Full PDB file with SEQRES, HELIX, SHEET, SSBOND, CRYST1, ORIGX, SCALE, CONECT and MASTER records, all heavy atoms in Angstrom:
SEQRES   1 A   31  GLY ARG GLY VAL PRO ARG ASP GLU ALA ARG ALA LEU GLN          
SEQRES   2 A   31  TRP TYR ARG GLN ALA ALA GLN ALA GLY ASP VAL GLY ALA          
SEQRES   3 A   31  GLN TYR LEU LEU ALA                                          
HELIX    1 AA1 GLU A    8  GLN A   20  1                                  13    
HELIX    2 AA2 VAL A   24  LEU A   30  1                                   7    
CRYST1    1.000    1.000    1.000  90.00  90.00  90.00 P 1           1          
ORIGX1      1.000000  0.000000  0.000000        0.00000                         
ORIGX2      0.000000  1.000000  0.000000        0.00000                         
ORIGX3      0.000000  0.000000  1.000000        0.00000                         
SCALE1      1.000000  0.000000  0.000000        0.00000                         
SCALE2      0.000000  1.000000  0.000000        0.00000                         
SCALE3      0.000000  0.000000  1.000000        0.00000                         
ATOM      1  N   GLY A   1     -89.815 253.726  91.291  1.00  0.00           N  
ATOM      2  CA  GLY A   1     -88.754 254.729  91.634  1.00  0.00           C  
ATOM      3  C   GLY A   1     -87.484 253.959  91.579  1.00  0.00           C  
ATOM      4  O   GLY A   1     -86.621 254.101  92.558  1.00  0.00           O  
ATOM      5  N   ARG A   2     -87.189 253.202  90.593  1.00  0.00           N  
ATOM      6  CA  ARG A   2     -85.920 252.395  90.525  1.00  0.00           C  
ATOM      7  C   ARG A   2     -85.046 252.873  89.391  1.00  0.00           C  
ATOM      8  O   ARG A   2     -85.264 252.779  88.276  1.00  0.00           O  
ATOM      9  CB  ARG A   2     -86.460 250.972  90.058  1.00  0.00           C  
ATOM     10  CG  ARG A   2     -85.309 249.892  90.076  1.00  0.00           C  
ATOM     11  CD  ARG A   2     -86.032 248.517  90.042  1.00  0.00           C  
ATOM     12  NE  ARG A   2     -84.931 247.516  89.965  1.00  0.00           N  
ATOM     13  CZ  ARG A   2     -84.358 246.987  88.969  1.00  0.00           C  
ATOM     14  NH1 ARG A   2     -84.740 247.438  87.648  1.00  0.00           N  
ATOM     15  NH2 ARG A   2     -83.497 246.117  89.033  1.00  0.00           N  
ATOM     16  N   GLY A   3     -84.068 253.651  89.780  1.00  0.00           N  
ATOM     17  CA  GLY A   3     -83.060 254.274  88.900  1.00  0.00           C  
ATOM     18  C   GLY A   3     -83.501 255.648  88.424  1.00  0.00           C  
ATOM     19  O   GLY A   3     -82.684 256.378  87.781  1.00  0.00           O  
ATOM     20  N   VAL A   4     -84.757 255.984  88.718  1.00  0.00           N  
ATOM     21  CA  VAL A   4     -85.236 257.302  88.342  1.00  0.00           C  
ATOM     22  C   VAL A   4     -86.287 257.639  89.504  1.00  0.00           C  
ATOM     23  O   VAL A   4     -86.666 256.821  90.288  1.00  0.00           O  
ATOM     24  CB  VAL A   4     -86.036 257.292  87.003  1.00  0.00           C  
ATOM     25  CG1 VAL A   4     -85.138 257.197  85.800  1.00  0.00           C  
ATOM     26  CG2 VAL A   4     -87.176 256.245  87.003  1.00  0.00           C  
ATOM     27  N   PRO A   5     -86.505 258.940  89.720  1.00  0.00           N  
ATOM     28  CA  PRO A   5     -87.454 259.311  90.752  1.00  0.00           C  
ATOM     29  C   PRO A   5     -88.787 258.709  90.451  1.00  0.00           C  
ATOM     30  O   PRO A   5     -89.224 258.608  89.327  1.00  0.00           O  
ATOM     31  CB  PRO A   5     -87.560 260.804  90.653  1.00  0.00           C  
ATOM     32  CG  PRO A   5     -86.265 261.198  89.963  1.00  0.00           C  
ATOM     33  CD  PRO A   5     -85.946 260.154  88.981  1.00  0.00           C  
ATOM     34  N   ARG A   6     -89.465 258.197  91.567  1.00  0.00           N  
ATOM     35  CA  ARG A   6     -90.818 257.648  91.369  1.00  0.00           C  
ATOM     36  C   ARG A   6     -91.768 258.717  90.843  1.00  0.00           C  
ATOM     37  O   ARG A   6     -91.853 259.763  91.296  1.00  0.00           O  
ATOM     38  CB  ARG A   6     -91.260 257.129  92.657  1.00  0.00           C  
ATOM     39  CG  ARG A   6     -92.706 256.534  92.664  1.00  0.00           C  
ATOM     40  CD  ARG A   6     -93.059 255.960  93.979  1.00  0.00           C  
ATOM     41  NE  ARG A   6     -94.504 255.753  94.077  1.00  0.00           N  
ATOM     42  CZ  ARG A   6     -95.155 255.388  95.217  1.00  0.00           C  
ATOM     43  NH1 ARG A   6     -94.478 255.305  96.274  1.00  0.00           N  
ATOM     44  NH2 ARG A   6     -96.440 255.261  95.207  1.00  0.00           N  
ATOM     45  N   ASP A   7     -92.486 258.369  89.725  1.00  0.00           N  
ATOM     46  CA  ASP A   7     -93.360 259.308  89.071  1.00  0.00           C  
ATOM     47  C   ASP A   7     -94.479 258.463  88.389  1.00  0.00           C  
ATOM     48  O   ASP A   7     -94.274 257.905  87.367  1.00  0.00           O  
ATOM     49  CB  ASP A   7     -92.521 260.085  88.026  1.00  0.00           C  
ATOM     50  CG  ASP A   7     -93.296 261.209  87.373  1.00  0.00           C  
ATOM     51  OD1 ASP A   7     -94.571 261.105  87.222  1.00  0.00           O  
ATOM     52  OD2 ASP A   7     -92.730 262.293  87.016  1.00  0.00           O  
ATOM     53  N   GLU A   8     -95.602 258.451  89.063  1.00  0.00           N  
ATOM     54  CA  GLU A   8     -96.679 257.510  88.595  1.00  0.00           C  
ATOM     55  C   GLU A   8     -97.227 258.021  87.343  1.00  0.00           C  
ATOM     56  O   GLU A   8     -97.652 257.249  86.425  1.00  0.00           O  
ATOM     57  CB  GLU A   8     -97.722 257.498  89.689  1.00  0.00           C  
ATOM     58  CG  GLU A   8     -97.290 256.743  90.882  1.00  0.00           C  
ATOM     59  CD  GLU A   8     -98.159 256.960  92.100  1.00  0.00           C  
ATOM     60  OE1 GLU A   8     -99.157 257.757  91.933  1.00  0.00           O  
ATOM     61  OE2 GLU A   8     -97.959 256.345  93.169  1.00  0.00           O  
ATOM     62  N   ALA A   9     -97.282 259.322  87.124  1.00  0.00           N  
ATOM     63  CA  ALA A   9     -97.795 259.841  85.775  1.00  0.00           C  
ATOM     64  C   ALA A   9     -96.864 259.433  84.622  1.00  0.00           C  
ATOM     65  O   ALA A   9     -97.453 259.131  83.578  1.00  0.00           O  
ATOM     66  CB  ALA A   9     -97.883 261.405  85.893  1.00  0.00           C  
ATOM     67  N   ARG A  10     -95.558 259.544  84.808  1.00  0.00           N  
ATOM     68  CA  ARG A  10     -94.678 259.136  83.715  1.00  0.00           C  
ATOM     69  C   ARG A  10     -94.785 257.587  83.513  1.00  0.00           C  
ATOM     70  O   ARG A  10     -94.784 257.129  82.378  1.00  0.00           O  
ATOM     71  CB  ARG A  10     -93.282 259.512  84.051  1.00  0.00           C  
ATOM     72  CG  ARG A  10     -93.050 260.914  83.868  1.00  0.00           C  
ATOM     73  CD  ARG A  10     -91.477 261.314  83.924  1.00  0.00           C  
ATOM     74  NE  ARG A  10     -91.276 262.687  83.711  1.00  0.00           N  
ATOM     75  CZ  ARG A  10     -90.000 263.126  83.550  1.00  0.00           C  
ATOM     76  NH1 ARG A  10     -88.911 262.370  83.600  1.00  0.00           N  
ATOM     77  NH2 ARG A  10     -89.927 264.462  83.377  1.00  0.00           N  
ATOM     78  N   ALA A  11     -94.885 256.811  84.579  1.00  0.00           N  
ATOM     79  CA  ALA A  11     -95.136 255.377  84.404  1.00  0.00           C  
ATOM     80  C   ALA A  11     -96.376 255.104  83.566  1.00  0.00           C  
ATOM     81  O   ALA A  11     -96.369 254.290  82.676  1.00  0.00           O  
ATOM     82  CB  ALA A  11     -95.311 254.699  85.771  1.00  0.00           C  
ATOM     83  N   LEU A  12     -97.433 255.804  83.930  1.00  0.00           N  
ATOM     84  CA  LEU A  12     -98.694 255.607  83.140  1.00  0.00           C  
ATOM     85  C   LEU A  12     -98.513 255.982  81.656  1.00  0.00           C  
ATOM     86  O   LEU A  12     -98.881 255.245  80.811  1.00  0.00           O  
ATOM     87  CB  LEU A  12     -99.793 256.499  83.676  1.00  0.00           C  
ATOM     88  CG  LEU A  12    -101.229 256.462  83.050  1.00  0.00           C  
ATOM     89  CD1 LEU A  12    -102.045 255.529  83.858  1.00  0.00           C  
ATOM     90  CD2 LEU A  12    -101.783 257.844  82.873  1.00  0.00           C  
ATOM     91  N   GLN A  13     -97.712 257.060  81.405  1.00  0.00           N  
ATOM     92  CA  GLN A  13     -97.418 257.433  79.995  1.00  0.00           C  
ATOM     93  C   GLN A  13     -96.765 256.346  79.236  1.00  0.00           C  
ATOM     94  O   GLN A  13     -97.191 255.899  78.175  1.00  0.00           O  
ATOM     95  CB  GLN A  13     -96.558 258.659  79.994  1.00  0.00           C  
ATOM     96  CG  GLN A  13     -96.017 259.032  78.565  1.00  0.00           C  
ATOM     97  CD  GLN A  13     -94.829 259.895  78.655  1.00  0.00           C  
ATOM     98  OE1 GLN A  13     -94.594 260.613  79.644  1.00  0.00           O  
ATOM     99  NE2 GLN A  13     -94.031 259.899  77.546  1.00  0.00           N  
ATOM    100  N   TRP A  14     -95.756 255.709  79.823  1.00  0.00           N  
ATOM    101  CA  TRP A  14     -94.994 254.725  79.092  1.00  0.00           C  
ATOM    102  C   TRP A  14     -95.764 253.367  79.028  1.00  0.00           C  
ATOM    103  O   TRP A  14     -95.751 252.695  78.069  1.00  0.00           O  
ATOM    104  CB  TRP A  14     -93.650 254.442  79.800  1.00  0.00           C  
ATOM    105  CG  TRP A  14     -92.643 255.554  79.478  1.00  0.00           C  
ATOM    106  CD1 TRP A  14     -92.159 256.451  80.388  1.00  0.00           C  
ATOM    107  CD2 TRP A  14     -92.225 256.013  78.225  1.00  0.00           C  
ATOM    108  NE1 TRP A  14     -91.432 257.404  79.772  1.00  0.00           N  
ATOM    109  CE2 TRP A  14     -91.316 257.121  78.405  1.00  0.00           C  
ATOM    110  CE3 TRP A  14     -92.382 255.546  76.910  1.00  0.00           C  
ATOM    111  CZ2 TRP A  14     -90.799 257.821  77.399  1.00  0.00           C  
ATOM    112  CZ3 TRP A  14     -91.806 256.134  75.890  1.00  0.00           C  
ATOM    113  CH2 TRP A  14     -90.924 257.279  76.083  1.00  0.00           C  
ATOM    114  N   TYR A  15     -96.487 253.067  80.091  1.00  0.00           N  
ATOM    115  CA  TYR A  15     -97.326 251.753  80.051  1.00  0.00           C  
ATOM    116  C   TYR A  15     -98.390 252.023  79.037  1.00  0.00           C  
ATOM    117  O   TYR A  15     -98.730 250.971  78.292  1.00  0.00           O  
ATOM    118  CB  TYR A  15     -98.012 251.547  81.482  1.00  0.00           C  
ATOM    119  CG  TYR A  15     -97.109 250.951  82.392  1.00  0.00           C  
ATOM    120  CD1 TYR A  15     -97.269 251.204  83.806  1.00  0.00           C  
ATOM    121  CD2 TYR A  15     -96.088 250.049  82.123  1.00  0.00           C  
ATOM    122  CE1 TYR A  15     -96.477 250.616  84.724  1.00  0.00           C  
ATOM    123  CE2 TYR A  15     -95.183 249.482  83.019  1.00  0.00           C  
ATOM    124  CZ  TYR A  15     -95.360 249.764  84.323  1.00  0.00           C  
ATOM    125  OH  TYR A  15     -94.608 249.179  85.272  1.00  0.00           O  
ATOM    126  N   ARG A  16     -98.945 253.197  78.860  1.00  0.00           N  
ATOM    127  CA  ARG A  16     -99.965 253.443  77.912  1.00  0.00           C  
ATOM    128  C   ARG A  16     -99.389 253.227  76.458  1.00  0.00           C  
ATOM    129  O   ARG A  16     -99.973 252.479  75.581  1.00  0.00           O  
ATOM    130  CB  ARG A  16    -100.563 254.798  77.989  1.00  0.00           C  
ATOM    131  CG  ARG A  16    -101.726 255.038  76.943  1.00  0.00           C  
ATOM    132  CD  ARG A  16    -102.470 256.280  77.285  1.00  0.00           C  
ATOM    133  NE  ARG A  16    -101.624 257.365  77.442  1.00  0.00           N  
ATOM    134  CZ  ARG A  16    -101.661 258.297  78.582  1.00  0.00           C  
ATOM    135  NH1 ARG A  16    -102.550 258.018  79.510  1.00  0.00           N  
ATOM    136  NH2 ARG A  16    -100.854 259.254  78.644  1.00  0.00           N  
ATOM    137  N   GLN A  17     -98.188 253.675  76.196  1.00  0.00           N  
ATOM    138  CA  GLN A  17     -97.562 253.480  74.895  1.00  0.00           C  
ATOM    139  C   GLN A  17     -97.311 251.976  74.686  1.00  0.00           C  
ATOM    140  O   GLN A  17     -97.627 251.439  73.525  1.00  0.00           O  
ATOM    141  CB  GLN A  17     -96.191 254.224  74.759  1.00  0.00           C  
ATOM    142  CG  GLN A  17     -96.526 255.696  74.659  1.00  0.00           C  
ATOM    143  CD  GLN A  17     -95.201 256.400  74.204  1.00  0.00           C  
ATOM    144  OE1 GLN A  17     -94.583 255.900  73.202  1.00  0.00           O  
ATOM    145  NE2 GLN A  17     -94.935 257.670  74.630  1.00  0.00           N  
ATOM    146  N   ALA A  18     -96.771 251.338  75.629  1.00  0.00           N  
ATOM    147  CA  ALA A  18     -96.517 249.835  75.484  1.00  0.00           C  
ATOM    148  C   ALA A  18     -97.897 249.082  75.304  1.00  0.00           C  
ATOM    149  O   ALA A  18     -97.918 248.124  74.522  1.00  0.00           O  
ATOM    150  CB  ALA A  18     -95.775 249.307  76.688  1.00  0.00           C  
ATOM    151  N   ALA A  19     -98.915 249.504  76.038  1.00  0.00           N  
ATOM    152  CA  ALA A  19    -100.213 248.847  75.906  1.00  0.00           C  
ATOM    153  C   ALA A  19    -100.767 249.081  74.566  1.00  0.00           C  
ATOM    154  O   ALA A  19    -101.357 248.136  74.001  1.00  0.00           O  
ATOM    155  CB  ALA A  19    -101.105 249.449  76.977  1.00  0.00           C  
ATOM    156  N   GLN A  20    -100.606 250.258  73.998  1.00  0.00           N  
ATOM    157  CA  GLN A  20    -101.135 250.526  72.678  1.00  0.00           C  
ATOM    158  C   GLN A  20    -100.443 249.689  71.624  1.00  0.00           C  
ATOM    159  O   GLN A  20    -100.919 249.414  70.620  1.00  0.00           O  
ATOM    160  CB  GLN A  20    -101.035 252.031  72.361  1.00  0.00           C  
ATOM    161  CG  GLN A  20    -102.050 252.842  73.198  1.00  0.00           C  
ATOM    162  CD  GLN A  20    -101.819 254.353  73.060  1.00  0.00           C  
ATOM    163  OE1 GLN A  20    -100.677 254.767  72.706  1.00  0.00           O  
ATOM    164  NE2 GLN A  20    -102.749 255.165  73.413  1.00  0.00           N  
ATOM    165  N   ALA A  21     -99.116 249.367  71.925  1.00  0.00           N  
ATOM    166  CA  ALA A  21     -98.408 248.538  71.065  1.00  0.00           C  
ATOM    167  C   ALA A  21     -98.635 247.030  71.251  1.00  0.00           C  
ATOM    168  O   ALA A  21     -98.115 246.170  70.450  1.00  0.00           O  
ATOM    169  CB  ALA A  21     -96.922 248.749  71.175  1.00  0.00           C  
ATOM    170  N   GLY A  22     -99.471 246.636  72.276  1.00  0.00           N  
ATOM    171  CA  GLY A  22     -99.905 245.288  72.380  1.00  0.00           C  
ATOM    172  C   GLY A  22     -99.294 244.478  73.537  1.00  0.00           C  
ATOM    173  O   GLY A  22     -99.519 243.259  73.636  1.00  0.00           O  
ATOM    174  N   ASP A  23     -98.563 245.141  74.426  1.00  0.00           N  
ATOM    175  CA  ASP A  23     -97.896 244.408  75.515  1.00  0.00           C  
ATOM    176  C   ASP A  23     -99.015 244.172  76.601  1.00  0.00           C  
ATOM    177  O   ASP A  23     -99.558 245.056  77.180  1.00  0.00           O  
ATOM    178  CB  ASP A  23     -96.777 245.248  76.216  1.00  0.00           C  
ATOM    179  CG  ASP A  23     -96.026 244.463  77.212  1.00  0.00           C  
ATOM    180  OD1 ASP A  23     -96.520 244.354  78.317  1.00  0.00           O  
ATOM    181  OD2 ASP A  23     -94.878 243.993  76.916  1.00  0.00           O  
ATOM    182  N   VAL A  24     -99.321 242.812  76.826  1.00  0.00           N  
ATOM    183  CA  VAL A  24    -100.404 242.575  77.693  1.00  0.00           C  
ATOM    184  C   VAL A  24    -100.160 242.943  79.173  1.00  0.00           C  
ATOM    185  O   VAL A  24    -101.129 243.299  79.933  1.00  0.00           O  
ATOM    186  CB  VAL A  24    -100.804 241.024  77.585  1.00  0.00           C  
ATOM    187  CG1 VAL A  24     -99.677 240.132  78.008  1.00  0.00           C  
ATOM    188  CG2 VAL A  24    -102.059 240.702  78.245  1.00  0.00           C  
ATOM    189  N   GLY A  25     -98.877 242.740  79.519  1.00  0.00           N  
ATOM    190  CA  GLY A  25     -98.545 243.190  80.951  1.00  0.00           C  
ATOM    191  C   GLY A  25     -98.864 244.633  81.156  1.00  0.00           C  
ATOM    192  O   GLY A  25     -99.331 245.059  82.259  1.00  0.00           O  
ATOM    193  N   ALA A  26     -98.421 245.414  80.192  1.00  0.00           N  
ATOM    194  CA  ALA A  26     -98.651 246.892  80.310  1.00  0.00           C  
ATOM    195  C   ALA A  26    -100.122 247.260  80.240  1.00  0.00           C  
ATOM    196  O   ALA A  26    -100.643 248.175  80.890  1.00  0.00           O  
ATOM    197  CB  ALA A  26     -97.941 247.578  79.137  1.00  0.00           C  
ATOM    198  N   GLN A  27    -100.857 246.439  79.429  1.00  0.00           N  
ATOM    199  CA  GLN A  27    -102.355 246.717  79.320  1.00  0.00           C  
ATOM    200  C   GLN A  27    -102.988 246.480  80.791  1.00  0.00           C  
ATOM    201  O   GLN A  27    -103.813 247.160  81.212  1.00  0.00           O  
ATOM    202  CB  GLN A  27    -102.928 245.719  78.359  1.00  0.00           C  
ATOM    203  CG  GLN A  27    -102.585 246.141  76.866  1.00  0.00           C  
ATOM    204  CD  GLN A  27    -102.861 245.001  75.950  1.00  0.00           C  
ATOM    205  OE1 GLN A  27    -103.230 243.855  76.313  1.00  0.00           O  
ATOM    206  NE2 GLN A  27    -102.617 245.304  74.692  1.00  0.00           N  
ATOM    207  N   TYR A  28    -102.599 245.381  81.392  1.00  0.00           N  
ATOM    208  CA  TYR A  28    -103.131 245.057  82.740  1.00  0.00           C  
ATOM    209  C   TYR A  28    -102.771 246.125  83.759  1.00  0.00           C  
ATOM    210  O   TYR A  28    -103.652 246.648  84.517  1.00  0.00           O  
ATOM    211  CB  TYR A  28    -102.614 243.692  83.185  1.00  0.00           C  
ATOM    212  CG  TYR A  28    -103.293 243.223  84.561  1.00  0.00           C  
ATOM    213  CD1 TYR A  28    -104.390 242.360  84.495  1.00  0.00           C  
ATOM    214  CD2 TYR A  28    -102.793 243.718  85.768  1.00  0.00           C  
ATOM    215  CE1 TYR A  28    -104.986 241.948  85.647  1.00  0.00           C  
ATOM    216  CE2 TYR A  28    -103.439 243.280  86.945  1.00  0.00           C  
ATOM    217  CZ  TYR A  28    -104.415 242.347  86.893  1.00  0.00           C  
ATOM    218  OH  TYR A  28    -105.072 241.920  88.044  1.00  0.00           O  
ATOM    219  N   LEU A  29    -101.465 246.524  83.822  1.00  0.00           N  
ATOM    220  CA  LEU A  29    -101.092 247.486  84.784  1.00  0.00           C  
ATOM    221  C   LEU A  29    -101.650 248.938  84.495  1.00  0.00           C  
ATOM    222  O   LEU A  29    -102.111 249.701  85.379  1.00  0.00           O  
ATOM    223  CB  LEU A  29     -99.534 247.694  84.736  1.00  0.00           C  
ATOM    224  CG  LEU A  29     -98.825 246.532  85.458  1.00  0.00           C  
ATOM    225  CD1 LEU A  29     -97.397 246.668  85.165  1.00  0.00           C  
ATOM    226  CD2 LEU A  29     -99.116 246.546  86.972  1.00  0.00           C  
ATOM    227  N   LEU A  30    -101.840 249.255  83.204  1.00  0.00           N  
ATOM    228  CA  LEU A  30    -102.520 250.468  82.803  1.00  0.00           C  
ATOM    229  C   LEU A  30    -103.942 250.462  83.335  1.00  0.00           C  
ATOM    230  O   LEU A  30    -104.494 251.540  83.861  1.00  0.00           O  
ATOM    231  CB  LEU A  30    -102.550 250.611  81.322  1.00  0.00           C  
ATOM    232  CG  LEU A  30    -103.118 251.966  80.797  1.00  0.00           C  
ATOM    233  CD1 LEU A  30    -102.373 253.237  81.282  1.00  0.00           C  
ATOM    234  CD2 LEU A  30    -103.072 251.981  79.213  1.00  0.00           C  
ATOM    235  N   ALA A  31    -104.672 249.408  83.190  1.00  0.00           N  
ATOM    236  CA  ALA A  31    -106.040 249.277  83.702  1.00  0.00           C  
ATOM    237  C   ALA A  31    -106.049 249.403  85.239  1.00  0.00           C  
ATOM    238  O   ALA A  31    -106.888 250.065  85.692  1.00  0.00           O  
ATOM    239  CB  ALA A  31    -106.592 247.935  83.248  1.00  0.00           C  
TER     240      ALA A  31                                                      
MASTER        0    0    0    2    0    0    0    6  239    1    0    3          
END                                                                             
């Protein structure tokens, strides 16, 4: 919720895209 309203579903969406692109931090958080 930093600079935008907190929205866990949107966070999941963006982490999933980054995870699919190979970002290991996003992969861990998505898990």
